[in-house]
């Protein structure tokens, strides 16, 4: 892997998004972020574990990775009051009724407040004591009426999205949990009303697009989950609203060569994981378990060996703070 960074492509993109210049500190040729979705206080005694077992669960894998790689940071996209039980449609008879199926919950949900962060002080205390664990938003409840149960933001208005985000932020503040000013929306879905509402409530970055298939080139654009037509390798400013966008471009099923190509082009290698490996029979390919943690351990060691101090191990929050400081 070459240590030299290639110049990024010219500004442009879908809807007028433009590349964020100056996102890399002086002396750095490329960067790595590691983010995990669906973090919440759920324990192994609940429907599934998503962080609530602390060091004995998924966060234990993360803690060991941080211990073995002192430069590594992790961003935990955390849901303020997780209510989803099953990601699959359970009320199949309701799902067959037009109009009705789009207005009701088609699966069981937890009562409001069950997983609210301010009701789980041990979970919050654990996150607070790890300085290299950045916390950011992953929605309020992670549910929505209709068949796309986990895609929380769909057709809601800008005002409704803002109200939902303010309630999520209120819960984070009530729990005393510091958080970066950004969000990965559930299901990566970021409609225009949500993006506008994020800016309204003071959020500064969004991690919407995930693309682990598009070939790596300097001008590659996202064409998979979430927002499309955005830079695959580099942070970008979204049009209209003061939001920085970062793209997920690597996960457990990706070959190491993909990471090498991204870094050779001076890009942001954005590695994704999910806190929940098995959600009521749905297996996440990038769920953080022992196998994925071992793969990441080898990957991080190899990246450090090849790039050394030229590689910036960072977070979406740190990148965004740097860019806003230059505005």
C-alpha atoms as a PDB file:
ATOM      1  CA  UNK A   1       0.000   0.000   0.000  1.00  0.00           C
ATOM      2  CA  UNK A   2       1.339   3.372  -1.009  1.00  0.00           C
ATOM      3  CA  UNK A   3       1.854   6.003   1.642  1.00  0.00           C
ATOM      4  CA  UNK A   4       1.194   8.858  -0.809  1.00  0.00           C
ATOM      5  CA  UNK A   5      -2.310  10.291  -1.054  1.00  0.00           C
ATOM      6  CA  UNK A   6      -3.874  10.999  -4.418  1.00  0.00           C
ATOM      7  CA  UNK A   7      -5.761  14.241  -4.939  1.00  0.00           C
ATOM      8  CA  UNK A   8      -9.527  13.938  -4.411  1.00  0.00           C
ATOM      9  CA  UNK A   9     -11.898  14.504  -7.335  1.00  0.00           C
ATOM     10  CA  UNK A  10     -13.398  17.885  -8.108  1.00  0.00           C
ATOM     11  CA  UNK A  11     -16.372  19.104  -6.100  1.00  0.00           C
ATOM     12  CA  UNK A  12     -19.802  18.099  -7.299  1.00  0.00           C
ATOM     13  CA  UNK A  13     -22.276  15.314  -6.869  1.00  0.00           C
ATOM     14  CA  UNK A  14     -25.954  14.627  -6.479  1.00  0.00           C
ATOM     15  CA  UNK A  15     -28.009  17.721  -5.695  1.00  0.00           C
ATOM     16  CA  UNK A  16     -25.003  19.998  -5.444  1.00  0.00           C
ATOM     17  CA  UNK A  17     -23.129  18.216  -2.651  1.00  0.00           C
ATOM     18  CA  UNK A  18     -19.497  19.238  -2.627  1.00  0.00           C
ATOM     19  CA  UNK A  19     -16.363  17.614  -1.333  1.00  0.00           C
ATOM     20  CA  UNK A  20     -15.149  18.869   2.040  1.00  0.00           C
ATOM     21  CA  UNK A  21     -11.673  20.271   1.515  1.00  0.00           C
ATOM     22  CA  UNK A  22      -9.157  20.364   4.327  1.00  0.00           C
ATOM     23  CA  UNK A  23     -10.685  17.466   6.237  1.00  0.00           C
ATOM     24  CA  UNK A  24      -7.318  15.750   6.758  1.00  0.00           C
ATOM     25  CA  UNK A  25      -4.839  17.218   9.279  1.00  0.00           C
ATOM     26  CA  UNK A  26      -1.388  18.174   8.053  1.00  0.00           C
ATOM     27  CA  UNK A  27       0.895  15.166   7.741  1.00  0.00           C
ATOM     28  CA  UNK A  28      -1.963  12.653   7.336  1.00  0.00           C
ATOM     29  CA  UNK A  29      -2.553  10.931   3.993  1.00  0.00           C
ATOM     30  CA  UNK A  30      -5.812   9.059   4.741  1.00  0.00           C
ATOM     31  CA  UNK A  31      -8.119   8.241   7.645  1.00  0.00           C
ATOM     32  CA  UNK A  32     -10.052   5.444   9.363  1.00  0.00           C
ATOM     33  CA  UNK A  33     -13.316   5.547  11.284  1.00  0.00           C
ATOM     34  CA  UNK A  34     -15.064   2.611  12.944  1.00  0.00           C
ATOM     35  CA  UNK A  35     -18.782   2.948  13.673  1.00  0.00           C
ATOM     36  CA  UNK A  36     -21.318   0.600  15.242  1.00  0.00           C
ATOM     37  CA  UNK A  37     -25.091   0.915  14.822  1.00  0.00           C
ATOM     38  CA  UNK A  38     -28.028  -0.186  16.989  1.00  0.00           C
ATOM     39  CA  UNK A  39     -26.305   0.334  20.338  1.00  0.00           C
ATOM     40  CA  UNK A  40     -28.730   0.479  23.283  1.00  0.00           C
ATOM     41  CA  UNK A  41     -29.068  -0.957  26.824  1.00  0.00           C
ATOM     42  CA  UNK A  42     -30.617  -4.273  25.715  1.00  0.00           C
ATOM     43  CA  UNK A  43     -29.168  -7.248  27.596  1.00  0.00           C
ATOM     44  CA  UNK A  44     -28.842 -10.926  26.754  1.00  0.00           C
ATOM     45  CA  UNK A  45     -31.822 -11.507  29.052  1.00  0.00           C
ATOM     46  CA  UNK A  46     -33.915  -9.298  26.743  1.00  0.00           C
ATOM     47  CA  UNK A  47     -34.842 -10.062  23.128  1.00  0.00           C
ATOM     48  CA  UNK A  48     -31.165  -9.569  22.214  1.00  0.00           C
ATOM     49  CA  UNK A  49     -28.021  -7.952  23.580  1.00  0.00           C
ATOM     50  CA  UNK A  50     -26.953  -4.603  22.127  1.00  0.00           C
ATOM     51  CA  UNK A  51     -24.576  -3.227  24.739  1.00  0.00           C
ATOM     52  CA  UNK A  52     -26.429  -3.785  27.983  1.00  0.00           C
ATOM     53  CA  UNK A  53     -24.129  -6.614  29.065  1.00  0.00           C
ATOM     54  CA  UNK A  54     -21.314  -4.041  29.041  1.00  0.00           C
ATOM     55  CA  UNK A  55     -17.881  -5.680  29.044  1.00  0.00           C
ATOM     56  CA  UNK A  56     -19.427  -9.160  28.991  1.00  0.00           C
ATOM     57  CA  UNK A  57     -21.205  -8.542  25.691  1.00  0.00           C
ATOM     58  CA  UNK A  58     -20.662  -6.807  22.384  1.00  0.00           C
ATOM     59  CA  UNK A  59     -18.963  -3.823  24.010  1.00  0.00           C
ATOM     60  CA  UNK A  60     -16.412  -6.205  25.496  1.00  0.00           C
ATOM     61  CA  UNK A  61     -15.244  -7.029  21.959  1.00  0.00           C
ATOM     62  CA  UNK A  62     -14.977  -3.310  21.272  1.00  0.00           C
ATOM     63  CA  UNK A  63     -13.128  -2.640  24.512  1.00  0.00           C
ATOM     64  CA  UNK A  64     -10.542  -5.302  23.679  1.00  0.00           C
ATOM     65  CA  UNK A  65     -10.015  -3.845  20.204  1.00  0.00           C
ATOM     66  CA  UNK A  66      -9.432  -0.415  21.734  1.00  0.00           C
ATOM     67  CA  UNK A  67      -6.951  -1.892  24.194  1.00  0.00           C
ATOM     68  CA  UNK A  68      -4.987  -3.660  21.437  1.00  0.00           C
ATOM     69  CA  UNK A  69      -4.971  -0.633  19.116  1.00  0.00           C
ATOM     70  CA  UNK A  70      -4.243   2.566  21.072  1.00  0.00           C
ATOM     71  CA  UNK A  71      -4.845   4.826  18.050  1.00  0.00           C
ATOM     72  CA  UNK A  72      -8.310   3.401  17.354  1.00  0.00           C
ATOM     73  CA  UNK A  73     -11.539   5.254  18.133  1.00  0.00           C
ATOM     74  CA  UNK A  74     -15.108   3.968  17.807  1.00  0.00           C
ATOM     75  CA  UNK A  75     -18.388   5.797  17.275  1.00  0.00           C
ATOM     76  CA  UNK A  76     -21.417   4.112  18.828  1.00  0.00           C
ATOM     77  CA  UNK A  77     -24.612   5.157  17.051  1.00  0.00           C
ATOM     78  CA  UNK A  78     -26.981   4.835  19.983  1.00  0.00           C
ATOM     79  CA  UNK A  79     -30.788   4.875  20.054  1.00  0.00           C
ATOM     80  CA  UNK A  80     -32.267   7.105  22.765  1.00  0.00           C
ATOM     81  CA  UNK A  81     -35.255   4.857  23.608  1.00  0.00           C
ATOM     82  CA  UNK A  82     -35.080   1.646  21.589  1.00  0.00           C
ATOM     83  CA  UNK A  83     -38.513   0.044  21.090  1.00  0.00           C
ATOM     84  CA  UNK A  84     -38.000  -2.459  18.256  1.00  0.00           C
ATOM     85  CA  UNK A  85     -38.335  -6.141  19.152  1.00  0.00           C
ATOM     86  CA  UNK A  86     -38.469  -7.906  15.786  1.00  0.00           C
ATOM     87  CA  UNK A  87     -37.294  -6.358  12.511  1.00  0.00           C
ATOM     88  CA  UNK A  88     -39.677  -8.644  10.597  1.00  0.00           C
ATOM     89  CA  UNK A  89     -43.422  -8.378  10.034  1.00  0.00           C
ATOM     90  CA  UNK A  90     -45.236 -10.505  12.633  1.00  0.00           C
ATOM     91  CA  UNK A  91     -48.861  -9.367  12.154  1.00  0.00           C
ATOM     92  CA  UNK A  92     -49.107 -10.836   8.685  1.00  0.00           C
ATOM     93  CA  UNK A  93     -52.882 -10.515   8.439  1.00  0.00           C
ATOM     94  CA  UNK A  94     -52.689  -6.756   9.037  1.00  0.00           C
ATOM     95  CA  UNK A  95     -49.900  -6.511   6.485  1.00  0.00           C
ATOM     96  CA  UNK A  96     -52.359  -7.689   3.806  1.00  0.00           C
ATOM     97  CA  UNK A  97     -54.823  -4.824   4.335  1.00  0.00           C
ATOM     98  CA  UNK A  98     -54.110  -1.795   2.118  1.00  0.00           C
ATOM     99  CA  UNK A  99     -53.912   1.605   3.864  1.00  0.00           C
ATOM    100  CA  UNK A 100     -54.236  -0.002   7.307  1.00  0.00           C
ATOM    101  CA  UNK A 101     -50.851  -1.734   7.010  1.00  0.00           C
ATOM    102  CA  UNK A 102     -49.139   1.622   6.491  1.00  0.00           C
ATOM    103  CA  UNK A 103     -50.601   3.110   9.671  1.00  0.00           C
ATOM    104  CA  UNK A 104     -50.066   0.423  12.324  1.00  0.00           C
ATOM    105  CA  UNK A 105     -47.116  -1.370  13.836  1.00  0.00           C
ATOM    106  CA  UNK A 106     -46.789  -4.757  12.177  1.00  0.00           C
ATOM    107  CA  UNK A 107     -44.567  -6.192  14.895  1.00  0.00           C
ATOM    108  CA  UNK A 108     -44.401  -6.152  18.681  1.00  0.00           C
ATOM    109  CA  UNK A 109     -42.654  -3.194  20.268  1.00  0.00           C
ATOM    110  CA  UNK A 110     -41.310  -2.407  23.717  1.00  0.00           C
ATOM    111  CA  UNK A 111     -43.298   0.019  25.878  1.00  0.00           C
ATOM    112  CA  UNK A 112     -42.091   3.593  25.623  1.00  0.00           C
ATOM    113  CA  UNK A 113     -39.264   4.247  28.093  1.00  0.00           C
ATOM    114  CA  UNK A 114     -38.192   0.613  28.579  1.00  0.00           C
ATOM    115  CA  UNK A 115     -34.788   1.206  26.983  1.00  0.00           C
ATOM    116  CA  UNK A 116     -34.587   4.975  27.541  1.00  0.00           C
ATOM    117  CA  UNK A 117     -30.973   5.853  28.271  1.00  0.00           C
ATOM    118  CA  UNK A 118     -31.813   7.857  31.391  1.00  0.00           C
ATOM    119  CA  UNK A 119     -33.274   4.693  32.946  1.00  0.00           C
ATOM    120  CA  UNK A 120     -30.041   2.703  32.515  1.00  0.00           C
ATOM    121  CA  UNK A 121     -27.335   4.477  34.532  1.00  0.00           C
ATOM    122  CA  UNK A 122     -24.898   1.531  34.484  1.00  0.00           C
ATOM    123  CA  UNK A 123     -24.950   1.511  30.691  1.00  0.00           C
ATOM    124  CA  UNK A 124     -24.395   5.275  30.541  1.00  0.00           C
ATOM    125  CA  UNK A 125     -21.623   5.115  33.135  1.00  0.00           C
ATOM    126  CA  UNK A 126     -19.827   2.425  31.105  1.00  0.00           C
ATOM    127  CA  UNK A 127     -19.901   4.542  27.940  1.00  0.00           C
ATOM    128  CA  UNK A 128     -18.765   7.669  29.767  1.00  0.00           C
ATOM    129  CA  UNK A 129     -15.672   6.017  31.230  1.00  0.00           C
ATOM    130  CA  UNK A 130     -14.166   5.131  27.826  1.00  0.00           C
ATOM    131  CA  UNK A 131     -12.586   8.257  26.282  1.00  0.00           C
ATOM    132  CA  UNK A 132     -12.213   6.675  22.833  1.00  0.00           C
ATOM    133  CA  UNK A 133     -15.891   5.680  22.591  1.00  0.00           C
ATOM    134  CA  UNK A 134     -17.700   8.502  20.810  1.00  0.00           C
ATOM    135  CA  UNK A 135     -21.498   8.378  21.087  1.00  0.00           C
ATOM    136  CA  UNK A 136     -23.847   9.774  18.439  1.00  0.00           C
ATOM    137  CA  UNK A 137     -27.543   9.457  17.644  1.00  0.00           C
ATOM    138  CA  UNK A 138     -29.296   6.532  15.974  1.00  0.00           C
ATOM    139  CA  UNK A 139     -32.860   7.744  16.177  1.00  0.00           C
ATOM    140  CA  UNK A 140     -35.381   7.906  19.000  1.00  0.00           C
ATOM    141  CA  UNK A 141     -37.239   4.566  18.890  1.00  0.00           C
ATOM    142  CA  UNK A 142     -35.916   2.727  15.782  1.00  0.00           C
ATOM    143  CA  UNK A 143     -39.467   1.836  14.720  1.00  0.00           C
ATOM    144  CA  UNK A 144     -42.055   3.003  12.196  1.00  0.00           C
ATOM    145  CA  UNK A 145     -45.550   1.860  11.176  1.00  0.00           C
ATOM    146  CA  UNK A 146     -45.703  -0.231   8.017  1.00  0.00           C
ATOM    147  CA  UNK A 147     -43.548  -2.924   6.541  1.00  0.00           C
ATOM    148  CA  UNK A 148     -40.223  -1.085   6.824  1.00  0.00           C
ATOM    149  CA  UNK A 149     -40.343  -1.413  10.612  1.00  0.00           C
ATOM    150  CA  UNK A 150     -36.795  -0.321  11.416  1.00  0.00           C
ATOM    151  CA  UNK A 151     -36.677   2.696   9.061  1.00  0.00           C
ATOM    152  CA  UNK A 152     -37.691   5.346  11.581  1.00  0.00           C
ATOM    153  CA  UNK A 153     -37.709   8.389   9.290  1.00  0.00           C
ATOM    154  CA  UNK A 154     -39.824   8.001   6.167  1.00  0.00           C
ATOM    155  CA  UNK A 155     -42.646  10.361   5.202  1.00  0.00           C
ATOM    156  CA  UNK A 156     -42.693  12.553   8.333  1.00  0.00           C
ATOM    157  CA  UNK A 157     -42.672  16.323   7.994  1.00  0.00           C
ATOM    158  CA  UNK A 158     -39.705  18.497   8.862  1.00  0.00           C
ATOM    159  CA  UNK A 159     -41.497  19.638  12.024  1.00  0.00           C
ATOM    160  CA  UNK A 160     -42.264  16.070  13.124  1.00  0.00           C
ATOM    161  CA  UNK A 161     -38.674  14.978  12.453  1.00  0.00           C
ATOM    162  CA  UNK A 162     -37.399  17.917  14.502  1.00  0.00           C
ATOM    163  CA  UNK A 163     -39.729  17.048  17.371  1.00  0.00           C
ATOM    164  CA  UNK A 164     -38.492  13.437  17.315  1.00  0.00           C
ATOM    165  CA  UNK A 165     -34.861  14.537  17.305  1.00  0.00           C
ATOM    166  CA  UNK A 166     -35.407  16.981  20.162  1.00  0.00           C
ATOM    167  CA  UNK A 167     -36.937  14.219  22.255  1.00  0.00           C
ATOM    168  CA  UNK A 168     -33.942  11.976  21.530  1.00  0.00           C
ATOM    169  CA  UNK A 169     -31.561  14.769  22.508  1.00  0.00           C
ATOM    170  CA  UNK A 170     -33.571  15.412  25.676  1.00  0.00           C
ATOM    171  CA  UNK A 171     -33.119  11.762  26.702  1.00  0.00           C
ATOM    172  CA  UNK A 172     -29.379  11.892  26.032  1.00  0.00           C
ATOM    173  CA  UNK A 173     -29.109  15.025  28.156  1.00  0.00           C
ATOM    174  CA  UNK A 174     -31.292  13.600  30.933  1.00  0.00           C
ATOM    175  CA  UNK A 175     -29.025  10.548  31.020  1.00  0.00           C
ATOM    176  CA  UNK A 176     -25.929  12.766  31.241  1.00  0.00           C
ATOM    177  CA  UNK A 177     -24.435  11.072  28.190  1.00  0.00           C
ATOM    178  CA  UNK A 178     -22.160  13.334  26.104  1.00  0.00           C
ATOM    179  CA  UNK A 179     -22.676  12.879  22.388  1.00  0.00           C
ATOM    180  CA  UNK A 180     -21.311  14.061  19.075  1.00  0.00           C
ATOM    181  CA  UNK A 181     -23.595  16.323  17.074  1.00  0.00           C
ATOM    182  CA  UNK A 182     -24.584  13.894  14.371  1.00  0.00           C
ATOM    183  CA  UNK A 183     -26.639  10.835  13.496  1.00  0.00           C
ATOM    184  CA  UNK A 184     -26.737   7.684  11.452  1.00  0.00           C
ATOM    185  CA  UNK A 185     -30.474   7.384  10.696  1.00  0.00           C
ATOM    186  CA  UNK A 186     -31.995   3.918  11.175  1.00  0.00           C
ATOM    187  CA  UNK A 187     -31.955   2.012   7.902  1.00  0.00           C
ATOM    188  CA  UNK A 188     -29.620   4.724   6.534  1.00  0.00           C
ATOM    189  CA  UNK A 189     -32.753   6.479   5.256  1.00  0.00           C
ATOM    190  CA  UNK A 190     -32.362  10.274   5.274  1.00  0.00           C
ATOM    191  CA  UNK A 191     -35.242  12.016   3.461  1.00  0.00           C
ATOM    192  CA  UNK A 192     -35.014  15.776   2.853  1.00  0.00           C
ATOM    193  CA  UNK A 193     -37.320  16.589   5.780  1.00  0.00           C
ATOM    194  CA  UNK A 194     -35.001  14.751   8.166  1.00  0.00           C
ATOM    195  CA  UNK A 195     -31.865  16.456   6.861  1.00  0.00           C
ATOM    196  CA  UNK A 196     -33.486  19.863   7.262  1.00  0.00           C
ATOM    197  CA  UNK A 197     -34.671  18.963  10.767  1.00  0.00           C
ATOM    198  CA  UNK A 198     -31.178  17.804  11.752  1.00  0.00           C
ATOM    199  CA  UNK A 199     -29.831  21.238  10.898  1.00  0.00           C
ATOM    200  CA  UNK A 200     -32.757  22.838  12.750  1.00  0.00           C
ATOM    201  CA  UNK A 201     -31.836  21.120  16.020  1.00  0.00           C
ATOM    202  CA  UNK A 202     -28.113  21.789  15.725  1.00  0.00           C
ATOM    203  CA  UNK A 203     -26.792  18.491  14.408  1.00  0.00           C
ATOM    204  CA  UNK A 204     -23.776  18.783  12.144  1.00  0.00           C
ATOM    205  CA  UNK A 205     -23.134  15.451  10.449  1.00  0.00           C
ATOM    206  CA  UNK A 206     -25.108  12.590   8.966  1.00  0.00           C
ATOM    207  CA  UNK A 207     -23.890   9.092   8.103  1.00  0.00           C
ATOM    208  CA  UNK A 208     -26.532   7.965   5.663  1.00  0.00           C
ATOM    209  CA  UNK A 209     -25.038   6.242   2.630  1.00  0.00           C
ATOM    210  CA  UNK A 210     -23.646   2.716   2.878  1.00  0.00           C
ATOM    211  CA  UNK A 211     -22.022   1.277  -0.218  1.00  0.00           C
ATOM    212  CA  UNK A 212     -19.768  -1.751   0.060  1.00  0.00           C
ATOM    213  CA  UNK A 213     -20.069  -2.823  -3.581  1.00  0.00           C
ATOM    214  CA  UNK A 214     -19.204   0.102  -5.880  1.00  0.00           C
ATOM    215  CA  UNK A 215     -15.633  -0.273  -7.188  1.00  0.00           C
ATOM    216  CA  UNK A 216     -13.110   2.057  -5.600  1.00  0.00           C
ATOM    217  CA  UNK A 217     -12.100   5.016  -7.755  1.00  0.00           C
ATOM    218  CA  UNK A 218     -11.358   8.638  -6.887  1.00  0.00           C
ATOM    219  CA  UNK A 219     -14.707   9.826  -8.248  1.00  0.00           C
ATOM    220  CA  UNK A 220     -16.826   6.862  -7.073  1.00  0.00           C
ATOM    221  CA  UNK A 221     -20.339   7.764  -5.923  1.00  0.00           C
ATOM    222  CA  UNK A 222     -22.693   5.984  -3.546  1.00  0.00           C
ATOM    223  CA  UNK A 223     -25.305   3.739  -5.121  1.00  0.00           C
ATOM    224  CA  UNK A 224     -26.521   1.334  -2.453  1.00  0.00           C
ATOM    225  CA  UNK A 225     -28.259   2.068   0.889  1.00  0.00           C
ATOM    226  CA  UNK A 226     -29.337   5.554   1.952  1.00  0.00           C
ATOM    227  CA  UNK A 227     -28.354   8.676   0.024  1.00  0.00           C
ATOM    228  CA  UNK A 228     -26.989   8.057  -3.459  1.00  0.00           C
ATOM    229  CA  UNK A 229     -24.727  10.069  -5.712  1.00  0.00           C
ATOM    230  CA  UNK A 230     -22.460  11.216  -2.881  1.00  0.00           C
ATOM    231  CA  UNK A 231     -18.673  10.739  -2.682  1.00  0.00           C
ATOM    232  CA  UNK A 232     -17.853   7.175  -1.682  1.00  0.00           C
ATOM    233  CA  UNK A 233     -14.363   7.942  -0.372  1.00  0.00           C
ATOM    234  CA  UNK A 234     -14.454  11.491   1.011  1.00  0.00           C
ATOM    235  CA  UNK A 235     -16.513  13.605   3.445  1.00  0.00           C
ATOM    236  CA  UNK A 236     -18.866  16.027   1.701  1.00  0.00           C
ATOM    237  CA  UNK A 237     -21.013  19.056   2.492  1.00  0.00           C
ATOM    238  CA  UNK A 238     -24.675  18.436   1.714  1.00  0.00           C
ATOM    239  CA  UNK A 239     -26.448  21.165  -0.256  1.00  0.00           C
ATOM    240  CA  UNK A 240     -28.617  23.703   1.504  1.00  0.00           C
ATOM    241  CA  UNK A 241     -28.156  22.631   5.100  1.00  0.00           C
ATOM    242  CA  UNK A 242     -24.851  22.834   7.021  1.00  0.00           C
ATOM    243  CA  UNK A 243     -24.392  19.070   7.321  1.00  0.00           C
ATOM    244  CA  UNK A 244     -21.274  16.999   6.711  1.00  0.00           C
ATOM    245  CA  UNK A 245     -21.865  13.573   5.168  1.00  0.00           C
ATOM    246  CA  UNK A 246     -19.646  10.518   5.686  1.00  0.00           C
ATOM    247  CA  UNK A 247     -20.146   7.275   3.758  1.00  0.00           C
ATOM    248  CA  UNK A 248     -19.810   3.724   5.051  1.00  0.00           C
ATOM    249  CA  UNK A 249     -17.672   1.843   2.519  1.00  0.00           C
ATOM    250  CA  UNK A 250     -16.368  -1.259   4.349  1.00  0.00           C
ATOM    251  CA  UNK A 251     -17.747  -4.052   6.550  1.00  0.00           C
ATOM    252  CA  UNK A 252     -17.108  -7.640   7.633  1.00  0.00           C
ATOM    253  CA  UNK A 253     -17.732  -9.090   4.171  1.00  0.00           C
ATOM    254  CA  UNK A 254     -15.371  -6.660   2.412  1.00  0.00           C
ATOM    255  CA  UNK A 255     -11.932  -7.828   1.224  1.00  0.00           C
ATOM    256  CA  UNK A 256      -8.895  -6.175   2.748  1.00  0.00           C
ATOM    257  CA  UNK A 257      -7.922  -5.038  -0.754  1.00  0.00           C
ATOM    258  CA  UNK A 258     -10.904  -2.659  -0.680  1.00  0.00           C
ATOM    259  CA  UNK A 259      -9.482  -0.961   2.400  1.00  0.00           C
ATOM    260  CA  UNK A 260      -6.089  -0.730   0.705  1.00  0.00           C
ATOM    261  CA  UNK A 261      -7.597   0.924  -2.368  1.00  0.00           C
ATOM    262  CA  UNK A 262      -9.503   3.499  -0.304  1.00  0.00           C
ATOM    263  CA  UNK A 263      -6.447   4.517   1.675  1.00  0.00           C
ATOM    264  CA  UNK A 264      -4.192   4.577  -1.387  1.00  0.00           C
ATOM    265  CA  UNK A 265      -6.519   7.236  -2.819  1.00  0.00           C
ATOM    266  CA  UNK A 266      -6.310   9.369   0.300  1.00  0.00           C
ATOM    267  CA  UNK A 267      -9.826   8.442   1.325  1.00  0.00           C
ATOM    268  CA  UNK A 268     -11.784   7.883   4.496  1.00  0.00           C
ATOM    269  CA  UNK A 269     -12.034   4.173   5.260  1.00  0.00           C
ATOM    270  CA  UNK A 270     -15.380   3.971   7.084  1.00  0.00           C
ATOM    271  CA  UNK A 271     -15.843   0.570   8.706  1.00  0.00           C
ATOM    272  CA  UNK A 272     -19.319  -0.470   9.866  1.00  0.00           C
ATOM    273  CA  UNK A 273     -20.515  -2.928  12.479  1.00  0.00           C
ATOM    274  CA  UNK A 274     -23.814  -3.634  14.211  1.00  0.00           C
ATOM    275  CA  UNK A 275     -24.222  -4.239  17.918  1.00  0.00           C
ATOM    276  CA  UNK A 276     -26.911  -6.868  17.342  1.00  0.00           C
ATOM    277  CA  UNK A 277     -25.714 -10.056  15.680  1.00  0.00           C
ATOM    278  CA  UNK A 278     -28.961 -12.048  15.893  1.00  0.00           C
ATOM    279  CA  UNK A 279     -32.243 -10.113  16.010  1.00  0.00           C
ATOM    280  CA  UNK A 280     -35.008 -12.690  16.440  1.00  0.00           C
ATOM    281  CA  UNK A 281     -33.509 -14.904  13.745  1.00  0.00           C
ATOM    282  CA  UNK A 282     -32.228 -12.120  11.475  1.00  0.00           C
ATOM    283  CA  UNK A 283     -28.437 -12.440  11.316  1.00  0.00           C
ATOM    284  CA  UNK A 284     -26.416  -9.294  10.652  1.00  0.00           C
ATOM    285  CA  UNK A 285     -23.384 -10.089   8.498  1.00  0.00           C
ATOM    286  CA  UNK A 286     -21.515  -7.228  10.167  1.00  0.00           C
ATOM    287  CA  UNK A 287     -22.682  -8.020  13.707  1.00  0.00           C
ATOM    288  CA  UNK A 288     -19.854  -7.563  16.178  1.00  0.00           C
ATOM    289  CA  UNK A 289     -18.939 -11.031  17.430  1.00  0.00           C
ATOM    290  CA  UNK A 290     -15.683 -12.837  18.103  1.00  0.00           C
ATOM    291  CA  UNK A 291     -15.092 -13.667  14.436  1.00  0.00           C
ATOM    292  CA  UNK A 292     -15.604 -10.100  13.208  1.00  0.00           C
ATOM    293  CA  UNK A 293     -13.538  -8.728  16.100  1.00  0.00           C
ATOM    294  CA  UNK A 294     -10.646 -11.034  15.139  1.00  0.00           C
ATOM    295  CA  UNK A 295     -10.872  -9.859  11.525  1.00  0.00           C
ATOM    296  CA  UNK A 296     -10.827  -6.230  12.631  1.00  0.00           C
ATOM    297  CA  UNK A 297      -7.874  -6.900  14.928  1.00  0.00           C
ATOM    298  CA  UNK A 298      -5.859  -8.195  11.972  1.00  0.00           C
ATOM    299  CA  UNK A 299      -7.063  -5.394   9.702  1.00  0.00           C
ATOM    300  CA  UNK A 300      -6.159  -2.620  12.148  1.00  0.00           C
ATOM    301  CA  UNK A 301      -2.725  -4.103  12.766  1.00  0.00           C
ATOM    302  CA  UNK A 302      -2.033  -4.323   9.033  1.00  0.00           C
ATOM    303  CA  UNK A 303      -3.203  -0.762   8.375  1.00  0.00           C
ATOM    304  CA  UNK A 304      -0.965   0.564  11.138  1.00  0.00           C
ATOM    305  CA  UNK A 305       1.978  -1.461   9.839  1.00  0.00           C
ATOM    306  CA  UNK A 306       1.609  -0.131   6.303  1.00  0.00           C
ATOM    307  CA  UNK A 307       0.772   3.504   7.055  1.00  0.00           C
ATOM    308  CA  UNK A 308       2.130   4.284  10.496  1.00  0.00           C
ATOM    309  CA  UNK A 309       1.659   7.858  11.638  1.00  0.00           C
ATOM    310  CA  UNK A 310       0.443   8.984   8.209  1.00  0.00           C
ATOM    311  CA  UNK A 311      -2.946   7.426   8.981  1.00  0.00           C
ATOM    312  CA  UNK A 312      -5.496   9.443  10.977  1.00  0.00           C
ATOM    313  CA  UNK A 313      -7.535   7.222  13.315  1.00  0.00           C
ATOM    314  CA  UNK A 314     -10.539   9.417  13.995  1.00  0.00           C
ATOM    315  CA  UNK A 315     -14.343   9.688  14.309  1.00  0.00           C
ATOM    316  CA  UNK A 316     -17.158  11.384  12.369  1.00  0.00           C
ATOM    317  CA  UNK A 317     -17.456  13.876  15.222  1.00  0.00           C
ATOM    318  CA  UNK A 318     -13.776  14.831  15.074  1.00  0.00           C
ATOM    319  CA  UNK A 319     -13.871  15.224  11.283  1.00  0.00           C
ATOM    320  CA  UNK A 320     -16.966  17.407  11.538  1.00  0.00           C
ATOM    321  CA  UNK A 321     -15.502  19.586  14.303  1.00  0.00           C
ATOM    322  CA  UNK A 322     -12.436  20.150  12.157  1.00  0.00           C
ATOM    323  CA  UNK A 323     -14.495  21.143   9.127  1.00  0.00           C
ATOM    324  CA  UNK A 324     -16.797  23.496  11.045  1.00  0.00           C
ATOM    325  CA  UNK A 325     -13.788  25.148  12.659  1.00  0.00           C
ATOM    326  CA  UNK A 326     -12.566  26.062   9.160  1.00  0.00           C
ATOM    327  CA  UNK A 327     -15.869  27.580   8.019  1.00  0.00           C
END
